[in-house]
C-alpha atoms as a PDB file:
ATOM      1  CA  MET A   1     -20.631 -68.102 156.681  1.00  0.00           C
ATOM      2  CA  SER A   2     -24.061 -68.197 155.065  1.00  0.00           C
ATOM      3  CA  ASN A   3     -27.022 -66.910 157.042  1.00  0.00           C
ATOM      4  CA  ILE A   4     -29.581 -69.119 155.289  1.00  0.00           C
ATOM      5  CA  ASN A   5     -32.072 -70.783 157.579  1.00  0.00           C
ATOM      6  CA  PRO A   6     -31.166 -74.483 157.183  1.00  0.00           C
ATOM      7  CA  SER A   7     -34.834 -75.458 157.509  1.00  0.00           C
ATOM      8  CA  LYS A   8     -35.605 -73.643 154.263  1.00  0.00           C
ATOM      9  CA  LYS A   9     -32.740 -75.033 152.234  1.00  0.00           C
ATOM     10  CA  SER A  10     -32.152 -78.523 150.910  1.00  0.00           C
ATOM     11  CA  ARG A  11     -28.608 -79.700 150.288  1.00  0.00           C
ATOM     12  CA  GLN A  12     -29.775 -82.895 148.600  1.00  0.00           C
ATOM     13  CA  PRO A  13     -29.014 -82.517 144.874  1.00  0.00           C
ATOM     14  CA  MET A  14     -31.997 -82.946 142.577  1.00  0.00           C
ATOM     15  CA  PRO A  15     -31.851 -85.707 139.953  1.00  0.00           C
ATOM     16  CA  LEU A  16     -31.360 -83.544 136.912  1.00  0.00           C
ATOM     17  CA  GLY A  17     -29.671 -83.255 133.566  1.00  0.00           C
ATOM     18  CA  ARG A  18     -27.457 -80.539 132.202  1.00  0.00           C
ATOM     19  CA  ILE A  19     -28.055 -76.829 132.729  1.00  0.00           C
ATOM     20  CA  ALA A  20     -26.588 -74.630 130.002  1.00  0.00           C
ATOM     21  CA  LEU A  21     -25.956 -70.899 129.883  1.00  0.00           C
ATOM     22  CA  ALA A  22     -27.578 -69.509 126.747  1.00  0.00           C
ATOM     23  CA  PRO A  23     -25.777 -67.273 124.269  1.00  0.00           C
ATOM     24  CA  MET A  24     -26.991 -63.672 124.500  1.00  0.00           C
ATOM     25  CA  GLU A  25     -25.584 -61.169 122.021  1.00  0.00           C
ATOM     26  CA  GLY A  26     -24.009 -58.166 123.686  1.00  0.00           C
ATOM     27  CA  VAL A  27     -24.527 -59.645 127.143  1.00  0.00           C
ATOM     28  CA  VAL A  28     -22.957 -63.033 127.841  1.00  0.00           C
ATOM     29  CA  ASP A  29     -19.308 -62.389 127.111  1.00  0.00           C
ATOM     30  CA  PHE A  30     -16.138 -64.038 128.412  1.00  0.00           C
ATOM     31  CA  HIS A  31     -16.278 -62.267 131.785  1.00  0.00           C
ATOM     32  CA  VAL A  32     -19.962 -63.017 132.375  1.00  0.00           C
ATOM     33  CA  ARG A  33     -19.282 -66.686 131.620  1.00  0.00           C
ATOM     34  CA  LYS A  34     -16.415 -66.625 134.111  1.00  0.00           C
ATOM     35  CA  VAL A  35     -18.533 -65.099 136.885  1.00  0.00           C
ATOM     36  CA  LEU A  36     -21.552 -67.367 136.391  1.00  0.00           C
ATOM     37  CA  THR A  37     -19.490 -70.562 136.142  1.00  0.00           C
ATOM     38  CA  GLU A  38     -17.606 -69.558 139.278  1.00  0.00           C
ATOM     39  CA  ILE A  39     -20.911 -69.412 141.139  1.00  0.00           C
ATOM     40  CA  GLY A  40     -21.578 -72.859 139.707  1.00  0.00           C
ATOM     41  CA  GLY A  41     -24.331 -75.194 138.599  1.00  0.00           C
ATOM     42  CA  ILE A  42     -23.746 -74.634 134.865  1.00  0.00           C
ATOM     43  CA  ASP A  43     -22.675 -77.590 132.711  1.00  0.00           C
ATOM     44  CA  PHE A  44     -21.781 -75.724 129.538  1.00  0.00           C
ATOM     45  CA  CYS A  45     -21.930 -72.265 127.964  1.00  0.00           C
ATOM     46  CA  VAL A  46     -22.410 -71.084 124.390  1.00  0.00           C
ATOM     47  CA  THR A  47     -20.660 -68.008 123.030  1.00  0.00           C
ATOM     48  CA  GLU A  48     -22.350 -65.028 121.467  1.00  0.00           C
ATOM     49  CA  PHE A  49     -22.615 -65.776 117.765  1.00  0.00           C
ATOM     50  CA  MET A  50     -19.913 -64.997 115.240  1.00  0.00           C
ATOM     51  CA  ARG A  51     -21.692 -63.519 112.236  1.00  0.00           C
ATOM     52  CA  VAL A  52     -20.360 -65.154 109.060  1.00  0.00           C
ATOM     53  CA  THR A  53     -20.942 -63.004 105.999  1.00  0.00           C
ATOM     54  CA  THR A  54     -17.749 -62.662 103.963  1.00  0.00           C
ATOM     55  CA  GLN A  55     -14.245 -64.123 103.971  1.00  0.00           C
ATOM     56  CA  LEU A  56     -12.809 -66.355 106.649  1.00  0.00           C
ATOM     57  CA  GLN A  57     -12.131 -64.328 109.780  1.00  0.00           C
ATOM     58  CA  PRO A  58      -8.607 -64.212 111.254  1.00  0.00           C
ATOM     59  CA  ARG A  59      -7.705 -66.159 114.359  1.00  0.00           C
ATOM     60  CA  LYS A  60      -7.705 -63.049 116.553  1.00  0.00           C
ATOM     61  CA  ILE A  61     -11.435 -62.578 115.935  1.00  0.00           C
ATOM     62  CA  PHE A  62     -12.127 -66.128 117.073  1.00  0.00           C
ATOM     63  CA  TYR A  63     -10.084 -65.553 120.224  1.00  0.00           C
ATOM     64  CA  LYS A  64     -11.775 -62.209 120.876  1.00  0.00           C
ATOM     65  CA  LEU A  65     -15.209 -63.828 120.894  1.00  0.00           C
ATOM     66  CA  CYS A  66     -14.021 -66.859 122.829  1.00  0.00           C
ATOM     67  CA  PRO A  67     -10.802 -66.396 124.824  1.00  0.00           C
ATOM     68  CA  GLU A  68     -11.545 -69.806 126.333  1.00  0.00           C
ATOM     69  CA  LEU A  69     -10.220 -71.362 123.121  1.00  0.00           C
ATOM     70  CA  LYS A  70      -6.787 -70.783 124.675  1.00  0.00           C
ATOM     71  CA  THR A  71      -7.731 -72.865 127.725  1.00  0.00           C
ATOM     72  CA  ALA A  72      -9.128 -76.054 126.155  1.00  0.00           C
ATOM     73  CA  ALA A  73     -12.447 -74.319 125.333  1.00  0.00           C
ATOM     74  CA  GLU A  74     -13.317 -74.139 129.028  1.00  0.00           C
ATOM     75  CA  THR A  75     -13.877 -71.321 131.490  1.00  0.00           C
ATOM     76  CA  ALA A  76     -11.500 -70.842 134.411  1.00  0.00           C
ATOM     77  CA  TYR A  77     -13.786 -73.230 136.323  1.00  0.00           C
ATOM     78  CA  GLN A  78     -13.519 -76.083 133.775  1.00  0.00           C
ATOM     79  CA  VAL A  79     -16.958 -75.495 132.262  1.00  0.00           C
ATOM     80  CA  PRO A  80     -17.020 -76.215 128.505  1.00  0.00           C
ATOM     81  CA  VAL A  81     -17.746 -73.349 126.105  1.00  0.00           C
ATOM     82  CA  HIS A  82     -19.365 -74.101 122.739  1.00  0.00           C
ATOM     83  CA  TYR A  83     -18.550 -71.852 119.778  1.00  0.00           C
ATOM     84  CA  GLN A  84     -21.588 -70.445 117.958  1.00  0.00           C
ATOM     85  CA  LEU A  85     -21.793 -69.354 114.319  1.00  0.00           C
ATOM     86  CA  LEU A  86     -24.569 -67.493 112.477  1.00  0.00           C
ATOM     87  CA  GLY A  87     -25.004 -66.978 108.754  1.00  0.00           C
ATOM     88  CA  ASN A  88     -26.545 -68.400 105.587  1.00  0.00           C
ATOM     89  CA  ASN A  89     -23.583 -69.369 103.389  1.00  0.00           C
ATOM     90  CA  PRO A  90     -22.943 -73.117 103.799  1.00  0.00           C
ATOM     91  CA  GLU A  91     -19.382 -73.041 102.467  1.00  0.00           C
ATOM     92  CA  LEU A  92     -18.316 -70.049 104.576  1.00  0.00           C
ATOM     93  CA  LEU A  93     -19.920 -71.456 107.690  1.00  0.00           C
ATOM     94  CA  ALA A  94     -18.118 -74.742 107.068  1.00  0.00           C
ATOM     95  CA  GLU A  95     -14.793 -72.897 106.796  1.00  0.00           C
ATOM     96  CA  HIS A  96     -15.407 -71.008 110.013  1.00  0.00           C
ATOM     97  CA  ALA A  97     -16.508 -74.157 111.842  1.00  0.00           C
ATOM     98  CA  LEU A  98     -13.334 -75.936 110.810  1.00  0.00           C
ATOM     99  CA  ARG A  99     -11.184 -73.035 111.937  1.00  0.00           C
ATOM    100  CA  ALA A 100     -12.973 -72.896 115.281  1.00  0.00           C
ATOM    101  CA  ALA A 101     -12.314 -76.619 115.705  1.00  0.00           C
ATOM    102  CA  ASP A 102      -8.661 -76.204 114.702  1.00  0.00           C
ATOM    103  CA  LEU A 103      -8.323 -73.499 117.365  1.00  0.00           C
ATOM    104  CA  GLY A 104      -9.681 -75.797 120.040  1.00  0.00           C
ATOM    105  CA  ALA A 105     -13.484 -75.682 119.946  1.00  0.00           C
ATOM    106  CA  LYS A 106     -14.910 -79.028 121.026  1.00  0.00           C
ATOM    107  CA  VAL A 107     -18.457 -78.120 120.001  1.00  0.00           C
ATOM    108  CA  VAL A 108     -19.584 -75.834 117.164  1.00  0.00           C
ATOM    109  CA  ASP A 109     -23.155 -74.560 117.380  1.00  0.00           C
ATOM    110  CA  LEU A 110     -25.291 -73.113 114.561  1.00  0.00           C
ATOM    111  CA  ASN A 111     -27.751 -70.325 115.341  1.00  0.00           C
ATOM    112  CA  PHE A 112     -31.193 -70.605 113.719  1.00  0.00           C
ATOM    113  CA  GLY A 113     -32.968 -68.798 116.530  1.00  0.00           C
ATOM    114  CA  CYS A 114     -31.823 -65.183 116.735  1.00  0.00           C
ATOM    115  CA  PRO A 115     -34.907 -62.920 116.376  1.00  0.00           C
ATOM    116  CA  ALA A 116     -33.013 -59.618 115.902  1.00  0.00           C
ATOM    117  CA  LYS A 117     -34.346 -57.600 112.954  1.00  0.00           C
ATOM    118  CA  THR A 118     -30.898 -56.639 111.681  1.00  0.00           C
ATOM    119  CA  VAL A 119     -29.802 -60.275 111.705  1.00  0.00           C
ATOM    120  CA  ASN A 120     -32.996 -61.550 110.054  1.00  0.00           C
ATOM    121  CA  LYS A 121     -32.831 -58.774 107.458  1.00  0.00           C
ATOM    122  CA  HIS A 122     -29.529 -60.226 106.271  1.00  0.00           C
ATOM    123  CA  LYS A 123     -30.980 -63.750 106.205  1.00  0.00           C
ATOM    124  CA  GLY A 124     -29.453 -65.006 109.401  1.00  0.00           C
ATOM    125  CA  GLY A 125     -30.906 -66.545 112.536  1.00  0.00           C
ATOM    126  CA  ALA A 126     -34.621 -67.286 112.847  1.00  0.00           C
ATOM    127  CA  VAL A 127     -35.534 -66.089 109.339  1.00  0.00           C
ATOM    128  CA  LEU A 128     -34.000 -69.307 107.979  1.00  0.00           C
ATOM    129  CA  LEU A 129     -36.760 -71.276 109.691  1.00  0.00           C
ATOM    130  CA  GLN A 130     -38.912 -70.340 106.696  1.00  0.00           C
ATOM    131  CA  THR A 131     -36.660 -72.397 104.414  1.00  0.00           C
ATOM    132  CA  PRO A 132     -35.843 -75.822 105.877  1.00  0.00           C
ATOM    133  CA  HIS A 133     -33.920 -76.825 102.742  1.00  0.00           C
ATOM    134  CA  GLU A 134     -31.437 -74.003 103.352  1.00  0.00           C
ATOM    135  CA  ILE A 135     -31.028 -75.115 106.943  1.00  0.00           C
ATOM    136  CA  PHE A 136     -30.343 -78.638 105.712  1.00  0.00           C
ATOM    137  CA  ASN A 137     -27.675 -77.392 103.298  1.00  0.00           C
ATOM    138  CA  ILE A 138     -25.979 -75.345 106.018  1.00  0.00           C
ATOM    139  CA  VAL A 139     -25.944 -78.115 108.608  1.00  0.00           C
ATOM    140  CA  GLN A 140     -24.810 -80.690 106.097  1.00  0.00           C
ATOM    141  CA  ALA A 141     -21.916 -78.532 104.852  1.00  0.00           C
ATOM    142  CA  VAL A 142     -20.703 -77.858 108.382  1.00  0.00           C
ATOM    143  CA  ALA A 143     -21.131 -81.479 109.470  1.00  0.00           C
ATOM    144  CA  GLN A 144     -19.082 -82.660 106.508  1.00  0.00           C
ATOM    145  CA  ALA A 145     -16.372 -80.101 107.230  1.00  0.00           C
ATOM    146  CA  LEU A 146     -16.100 -81.420 110.792  1.00  0.00           C
ATOM    147  CA  GLU A 147     -16.100 -85.115 109.848  1.00  0.00           C
ATOM    148  CA  ASP A 148     -12.383 -85.551 110.493  1.00  0.00           C
ATOM    149  CA  SER A 149     -12.412 -83.242 113.513  1.00  0.00           C
ATOM    150  CA  PRO A 150     -13.141 -84.228 117.120  1.00  0.00           C
ATOM    151  CA  ALA A 151     -15.539 -81.276 117.360  1.00  0.00           C
ATOM    152  CA  ARG A 152     -19.260 -82.021 117.591  1.00  0.00           C
ATOM    153  CA  LEU A 153     -21.929 -80.043 115.733  1.00  0.00           C
ATOM    154  CA  THR A 154     -25.062 -78.775 117.496  1.00  0.00           C
ATOM    155  CA  ALA A 155     -27.771 -76.262 116.641  1.00  0.00           C
ATOM    156  CA  LYS A 156     -30.312 -73.929 118.205  1.00  0.00           C
ATOM    157  CA  MET A 157     -33.685 -72.947 116.753  1.00  0.00           C
ATOM    158  CA  ARG A 158     -37.089 -71.530 117.633  1.00  0.00           C
ATOM    159  CA  LEU A 159     -40.482 -73.109 116.974  1.00  0.00           C
ATOM    160  CA  GLY A 160     -40.738 -71.142 113.760  1.00  0.00           C
ATOM    161  CA  TYR A 161     -40.689 -67.672 112.255  1.00  0.00           C
ATOM    162  CA  GLU A 162     -44.272 -66.398 112.056  1.00  0.00           C
ATOM    163  CA  ASP A 163     -45.910 -69.682 113.088  1.00  0.00           C
ATOM    164  CA  LYS A 164     -45.066 -73.273 113.954  1.00  0.00           C
ATOM    165  CA  SER A 165     -46.088 -74.869 110.668  1.00  0.00           C
ATOM    166  CA  LEU A 166     -42.543 -75.853 109.650  1.00  0.00           C
ATOM    167  CA  VAL A 167     -41.246 -76.939 113.037  1.00  0.00           C
ATOM    168  CA  PHE A 168     -40.989 -80.632 112.161  1.00  0.00           C
ATOM    169  CA  GLU A 169     -39.460 -79.916 108.760  1.00  0.00           C
ATOM    170  CA  ASN A 170     -36.796 -77.815 110.453  1.00  0.00           C
ATOM    171  CA  LEU A 171     -36.185 -80.529 113.032  1.00  0.00           C
ATOM    172  CA  ALA A 172     -35.757 -83.091 110.257  1.00  0.00           C
ATOM    173  CA  ALA A 173     -33.415 -80.806 108.317  1.00  0.00           C
ATOM    174  CA  ILE A 174     -31.166 -80.276 111.321  1.00  0.00           C
ATOM    175  CA  GLN A 175     -30.949 -83.842 112.544  1.00  0.00           C
ATOM    176  CA  GLU A 176     -30.789 -85.544 109.134  1.00  0.00           C
ATOM    177  CA  ALA A 177     -28.039 -83.181 107.973  1.00  0.00           C
ATOM    178  CA  GLY A 178     -25.768 -84.198 110.834  1.00  0.00           C
ATOM    179  CA  ALA A 179     -26.291 -82.155 114.009  1.00  0.00           C
ATOM    180  CA  THR A 180     -25.878 -84.201 117.179  1.00  0.00           C
ATOM    181  CA  GLU A 181     -28.040 -82.110 119.523  1.00  0.00           C
ATOM    182  CA  LEU A 182     -30.647 -79.349 119.277  1.00  0.00           C
ATOM    183  CA  VAL A 183     -31.697 -76.562 121.618  1.00  0.00           C
ATOM    184  CA  VAL A 184     -35.251 -75.380 120.982  1.00  0.00           C
ATOM    185  CA  HIS A 185     -36.415 -71.994 122.244  1.00  0.00           C
ATOM    186  CA  ALA A 186     -40.119 -72.673 122.776  1.00  0.00           C
ATOM    187  CA  ARG A 187     -41.417 -69.582 120.961  1.00  0.00           C
ATOM    188  CA  THR A 188     -41.517 -68.329 117.398  1.00  0.00           C
ATOM    189  CA  LYS A 189     -39.520 -65.368 116.156  1.00  0.00           C
ATOM    190  CA  VAL A 190     -42.660 -63.225 116.095  1.00  0.00           C
ATOM    191  CA  GLU A 191     -43.428 -64.162 119.693  1.00  0.00           C
ATOM    192  CA  GLY A 192     -39.970 -62.933 120.664  1.00  0.00           C
ATOM    193  CA  TYR A 193     -39.533 -63.179 124.430  1.00  0.00           C
ATOM    194  CA  LYS A 194     -43.178 -62.662 125.401  1.00  0.00           C
ATOM    195  CA  PRO A 195     -44.616 -65.209 127.860  1.00  0.00           C
ATOM    196  CA  PRO A 196     -45.536 -67.950 127.697  1.00  0.00           C
ATOM    197  CA  ALA A 197     -42.955 -70.339 126.322  1.00  0.00           C
ATOM    198  CA  HIS A 198     -44.738 -73.260 124.673  1.00  0.00           C
ATOM    199  CA  TRP A 199     -43.065 -76.136 126.485  1.00  0.00           C
ATOM    200  CA  GLN A 200     -45.756 -78.543 125.280  1.00  0.00           C
ATOM    201  CA  TRP A 201     -44.386 -78.148 121.757  1.00  0.00           C
ATOM    202  CA  LEU A 202     -41.040 -79.443 122.968  1.00  0.00           C
ATOM    203  CA  ALA A 203     -42.755 -82.678 123.982  1.00  0.00           C
ATOM    204  CA  ARG A 204     -44.130 -83.023 120.437  1.00  0.00           C
ATOM    205  CA  ILE A 205     -40.695 -82.327 118.979  1.00  0.00           C
ATOM    206  CA  ARG A 206     -39.105 -84.933 121.237  1.00  0.00           C
ATOM    207  CA  GLU A 207     -41.495 -87.573 119.903  1.00  0.00           C
ATOM    208  CA  LYS A 208     -40.067 -87.120 116.405  1.00  0.00           C
ATOM    209  CA  ALA A 209     -36.463 -86.377 117.351  1.00  0.00           C
ATOM    210  CA  THR A 210     -33.577 -88.798 116.898  1.00  0.00           C
ATOM    211  CA  ILE A 211     -31.126 -86.467 118.668  1.00  0.00           C
ATOM    212  CA  PRO A 212     -31.289 -84.974 122.190  1.00  0.00           C
ATOM    213  CA  ILE A 213     -33.537 -81.910 122.570  1.00  0.00           C
ATOM    214  CA  ILE A 214     -32.658 -79.213 125.094  1.00  0.00           C
ATOM    215  CA  ALA A 215     -35.478 -77.009 126.407  1.00  0.00           C
ATOM    216  CA  ASN A 216     -35.083 -73.220 126.384  1.00  0.00           C
ATOM    217  CA  GLY A 217     -37.385 -70.384 127.313  1.00  0.00           C
ATOM    218  CA  GLU A 218     -39.031 -68.743 130.346  1.00  0.00           C
ATOM    219  CA  ILE A 219     -37.153 -70.485 133.164  1.00  0.00           C
ATOM    220  CA  TRP A 220     -36.815 -68.011 136.042  1.00  0.00           C
ATOM    221  CA  SER A 221     -36.926 -70.223 139.125  1.00  0.00           C
ATOM    222  CA  PRO A 222     -36.447 -73.804 140.346  1.00  0.00           C
ATOM    223  CA  GLU A 223     -40.223 -74.175 140.084  1.00  0.00           C
ATOM    224  CA  ASP A 224     -40.169 -73.079 136.421  1.00  0.00           C
ATOM    225  CA  TYR A 225     -37.335 -75.512 135.786  1.00  0.00           C
ATOM    226  CA  GLN A 226     -39.327 -78.413 137.169  1.00  0.00           C
ATOM    227  CA  ARG A 227     -42.491 -77.425 135.284  1.00  0.00           C
ATOM    228  CA  CYS A 228     -40.543 -77.120 132.054  1.00  0.00           C
ATOM    229  CA  ARG A 229     -39.104 -80.588 132.500  1.00  0.00           C
ATOM    230  CA  ASP A 230     -42.470 -82.048 133.435  1.00  0.00           C
ATOM    231  CA  VAL A 231     -44.260 -80.532 130.438  1.00  0.00           C
ATOM    232  CA  SER A 232     -41.517 -80.907 127.818  1.00  0.00           C
ATOM    233  CA  GLY A 233     -40.030 -84.188 128.970  1.00  0.00           C
ATOM    234  CA  CYS A 234     -36.600 -82.725 128.258  1.00  0.00           C
ATOM    235  CA  THR A 235     -33.799 -83.819 130.560  1.00  0.00           C
ATOM    236  CA  ASP A 236     -31.573 -80.822 129.780  1.00  0.00           C
ATOM    237  CA  VAL A 237     -32.394 -77.120 129.825  1.00  0.00           C
ATOM    238  CA  MET A 238     -30.749 -73.923 128.628  1.00  0.00           C
ATOM    239  CA  ILE A 239     -31.282 -70.705 130.579  1.00  0.00           C
ATOM    240  CA  GLY A 240     -30.495 -67.164 129.442  1.00  0.00           C
ATOM    241  CA  ARG A 241     -32.266 -64.198 131.013  1.00  0.00           C
ATOM    242  CA  GLY A 242     -33.130 -66.227 134.110  1.00  0.00           C
ATOM    243  CA  LEU A 243     -29.446 -66.603 134.957  1.00  0.00           C
ATOM    244  CA  LEU A 244     -28.837 -62.885 134.499  1.00  0.00           C
ATOM    245  CA  ALA A 245     -31.780 -61.994 136.733  1.00  0.00           C
ATOM    246  CA  ASP A 246     -30.591 -64.520 139.320  1.00  0.00           C
ATOM    247  CA  PRO A 247     -26.945 -65.579 138.880  1.00  0.00           C
ATOM    248  CA  PHE A 248     -27.472 -68.241 141.579  1.00  0.00           C
ATOM    249  CA  LEU A 249     -30.336 -69.932 139.736  1.00  0.00           C
ATOM    250  CA  ALA A 250     -28.396 -72.912 138.351  1.00  0.00           C
ATOM    251  CA  GLN A 251     -26.994 -73.717 141.783  1.00  0.00           C
ATOM    252  CA  ARG A 252     -30.397 -73.195 143.389  1.00  0.00           C
ATOM    253  CA  ILE A 253     -31.846 -75.710 140.941  1.00  0.00           C
ATOM    254  CA  ARG A 254     -29.007 -78.157 141.428  1.00  0.00           C
ATOM    255  CA  LEU A 255     -29.087 -77.959 145.240  1.00  0.00           C
ATOM    256  CA  ASN A 256     -32.893 -77.600 145.472  1.00  0.00           C
ATOM    257  CA  ILE A 257     -32.692 -74.213 147.185  1.00  0.00           C
ATOM    258  CA  LEU A 258     -36.003 -72.377 147.176  1.00  0.00           C
ATOM    259  CA  ASP A 259     -34.774 -69.290 149.050  1.00  0.00           C
ATOM    260  CA  GLN A 260     -34.021 -66.432 146.688  1.00  0.00           C
ATOM    261  CA  PRO A 261     -30.791 -64.429 146.804  1.00  0.00           C
ATOM    262  CA  SER A 262     -30.888 -61.134 148.649  1.00  0.00           C
ATOM    263  CA  ILE A 263     -30.282 -57.791 146.975  1.00  0.00           C
ATOM    264  CA  ALA A 264     -26.828 -57.912 148.577  1.00  0.00           C
ATOM    265  CA  ASP A 265     -26.104 -61.183 146.750  1.00  0.00           C
ATOM    266  CA  LEU A 266     -27.051 -59.619 143.425  1.00  0.00           C
ATOM    267  CA  ALA A 267     -25.006 -56.487 144.110  1.00  0.00           C
ATOM    268  CA  ALA A 268     -22.009 -58.637 145.058  1.00  0.00           C
ATOM    269  CA  VAL A 269     -22.098 -60.437 141.710  1.00  0.00           C
ATOM    270  CA  LEU A 270     -22.432 -57.198 139.781  1.00  0.00           C
ATOM    271  CA  HIS A 271     -19.657 -55.486 141.740  1.00  0.00           C
ATOM    272  CA  TYR A 272     -17.369 -58.466 141.191  1.00  0.00           C
ATOM    273  CA  TYR A 273     -18.050 -58.442 137.437  1.00  0.00           C
ATOM    274  CA  LEU A 274     -17.460 -54.710 137.050  1.00  0.00           C
ATOM    275  CA  SER A 275     -14.265 -54.928 139.104  1.00  0.00           C
ATOM    276  CA  MET A 276     -13.080 -57.623 136.722  1.00  0.00           C
ATOM    277  CA  ILE A 277     -13.639 -55.641 133.516  1.00  0.00           C
ATOM    278  CA  ALA A 278     -12.782 -52.141 134.798  1.00  0.00           C
ATOM    279  CA  PRO A 279      -8.982 -52.288 134.264  1.00  0.00           C
ATOM    280  CA  ASP A 280      -9.351 -53.106 130.561  1.00  0.00           C
ATOM    281  CA  VAL A 281     -12.289 -51.045 129.297  1.00  0.00           C
ATOM    282  CA  PRO A 282     -13.313 -47.350 129.171  1.00  0.00           C
ATOM    283  CA  GLU A 283     -15.247 -45.956 132.117  1.00  0.00           C
ATOM    284  CA  ILE A 284     -18.361 -45.498 129.988  1.00  0.00           C
ATOM    285  CA  PHE A 285     -18.368 -49.230 129.234  1.00  0.00           C
ATOM    286  CA  VAL A 286     -18.226 -50.098 132.945  1.00  0.00           C
ATOM    287  CA  LEU A 287     -21.145 -47.774 133.591  1.00  0.00           C
ATOM    288  CA  ALA A 288     -23.150 -49.119 130.666  1.00  0.00           C
ATOM    289  CA  ARG A 289     -22.573 -52.752 131.591  1.00  0.00           C
ATOM    290  CA  GLY A 290     -23.504 -52.120 135.207  1.00  0.00           C
ATOM    291  CA  LYS A 291     -26.790 -50.548 134.189  1.00  0.00           C
ATOM    292  CA  GLN A 292     -27.448 -53.254 131.603  1.00  0.00           C
ATOM    293  CA  TRP A 293     -27.041 -56.140 134.031  1.00  0.00           C
ATOM    294  CA  SER A 294     -28.874 -54.414 136.891  1.00  0.00           C
ATOM    295  CA  ASN A 295     -31.734 -53.819 134.443  1.00  0.00           C
ATOM    296  CA  MET A 296     -31.873 -57.566 133.768  1.00  0.00           C
ATOM    297  CA  MET A 297     -31.946 -58.227 137.504  1.00  0.00           C
ATOM    298  CA  ARG A 298     -35.188 -56.221 137.843  1.00  0.00           C
ATOM    299  CA  LYS A 299     -37.151 -59.390 137.061  1.00  0.00           C
ATOM    300  CA  HIS A 300     -35.854 -60.826 140.315  1.00  0.00           C
ATOM    301  CA  SER A 301     -37.539 -58.647 142.955  1.00  0.00           C
ATOM    302  CA  ILE A 302     -38.815 -55.230 144.019  1.00  0.00           C
ATOM    303  CA  GLU A 303     -35.457 -54.644 145.707  1.00  0.00           C
ATOM    304  CA  ALA A 304     -33.697 -55.337 142.410  1.00  0.00           C
ATOM    305  CA  CYS A 305     -35.954 -52.774 140.717  1.00  0.00           C
ATOM    306  CA  ASP A 306     -34.890 -50.257 143.357  1.00  0.00           C
ATOM    307  CA  LEU A 307     -31.229 -51.096 142.773  1.00  0.00           C
ATOM    308  CA  PHE A 308     -31.653 -50.505 139.048  1.00  0.00           C
ATOM    309  CA  ASP A 309     -33.330 -47.158 139.709  1.00  0.00           C
ATOM    310  CA  GLN A 310     -30.251 -46.181 141.699  1.00  0.00           C
ATOM    311  CA  THR A 311     -27.708 -47.477 139.185  1.00  0.00           C
ATOM    312  CA  LYS A 312     -29.370 -45.761 136.235  1.00  0.00           C
ATOM    313  CA  ARG A 313     -28.818 -42.411 137.979  1.00  0.00           C
ATOM    314  CA  CYS A 314     -25.085 -43.045 138.366  1.00  0.00           C
ATOM    315  CA  THR A 315     -22.900 -40.865 136.139  1.00  0.00           C
ATOM    316  CA  SER A 316     -19.473 -42.433 136.747  1.00  0.00           C
ATOM    317  CA  ALA A 317     -17.887 -45.824 137.248  1.00  0.00           C
ATOM    318  CA  VAL A 318     -16.769 -44.821 140.733  1.00  0.00           C
ATOM    319  CA  GLU A 319     -20.327 -43.923 141.685  1.00  0.00           C
ATOM    320  CA  ILE A 320     -21.848 -47.190 140.518  1.00  0.00           C
ATOM    321  CA  MET A 321     -19.044 -49.227 142.090  1.00  0.00           C
ATOM    322  CA  ASN A 322     -19.503 -47.479 145.441  1.00  0.00           C
ATOM    323  CA  LEU A 323     -23.254 -48.071 145.313  1.00  0.00           C
ATOM    324  CA  LEU A 324     -22.813 -51.776 144.572  1.00  0.00           C
ATOM    325  CA  GLU A 325     -20.109 -52.241 147.203  1.00  0.00           C
ATOM    326  CA  LYS A 326     -22.278 -50.627 149.865  1.00  0.00           C
ATOM    327  CA  THR A 327     -25.265 -52.784 148.906  1.00  0.00           C
ATOM    328  CA  ALA A 328     -23.138 -55.943 148.788  1.00  0.00           C
ATOM    329  CA  GLN A 329     -22.059 -55.396 152.395  1.00  0.00           C
ATOM    330  CA  GLN A 330     -25.609 -55.970 153.602  1.00  0.00           C
ATOM    331  CA  PRO A 331     -26.629 -59.487 154.760  1.00  0.00           C
ATOM    332  CA  ARG A 332     -26.083 -62.056 152.017  1.00  0.00           C
ATOM    333  CA  TYR A 333     -27.828 -65.407 151.794  1.00  0.00           C
ATOM    334  CA  PHE A 334     -25.399 -67.181 149.485  1.00  0.00           C
ATOM    335  CA  GLN A 335     -21.930 -66.444 150.789  1.00  0.00           C
ATOM    336  CA  ASP A 336     -21.228 -70.159 150.676  1.00  0.00           C
ATOM    337  CA  LEU A 337     -22.030 -70.273 146.942  1.00  0.00           C
ATOM    338  CA  PHE A 338     -20.064 -67.187 145.972  1.00  0.00           C
ATOM    339  CA  ALA A 339     -17.106 -66.206 148.130  1.00  0.00           C
ATOM    340  CA  TYR A 340     -17.162 -62.517 147.242  1.00  0.00           C
ATOM    341  CA  GLN A 341     -15.279 -60.104 149.474  1.00  0.00           C
ATOM    342  CA  PRO A 342     -15.794 -56.346 148.795  1.00  0.00           C
END
């Protein structure tokens, strides 16, 4: 049973909209989506992007990126998974969107927000925010390709590339070309992930939007979630790094839990994830993923920083698994939200 002090925890759900798990390249894969949606509180996930540059990719590549296509485009816990594409060729993106839909995707998402230099160098992601007419052509081509499909088209963007001067032109391009929903990361490409996120700009965007706007950026706690909603006016939010730092965050928001997870809770999640992937990947991958996720958890607390310092010194999968199992056996606050047994 949980050892949370009932006086510090509310079980009355907050009136809220959807909470989405953001796509994070090289981080939020099939197994991460499974773990986080098992903990709960997430309404939908978005895959890492498929980079569209040349000919139509074979089916096996679609399934590799999104195994959930084989299960009605949902995780094992019936949470929908949207399929994301990135590129600059309207015709190729349209072909890939149609194939994703044919394979079972219920929502296809277009990425106009990735700030990675290698992606932008090849005219993908946030660099397209400098040319709203190209964004319009891409969205329109994909929307037309999906006209006879049940799949919906959505998009994700930032406030701009170097500045915010074209934000409303990009909004108009996306919604007028046929997207049904838009996630806006409340920073420019140049601003990257540096605080703050400019939630007030989301309020301005909402005033001109004819489609739903989902807020994204700098949500690390239930308090941040509420402030973001208050400032932006957005009903729905998308969370990325915040859900890696605290895998219980969506449920904490949904159940209005202010208590933070213990270091044992975090270790339990990480141990569970590594146990899940270990049979199918090389030992070095298990070690690397363990260090990667524990590094992201450092934002959570001093104890999480200490855990990362210990994991980064591990030299084998057995060593990191033993460390996490030992830590996970300490008192846990959220056993009722995540029934992990070491």
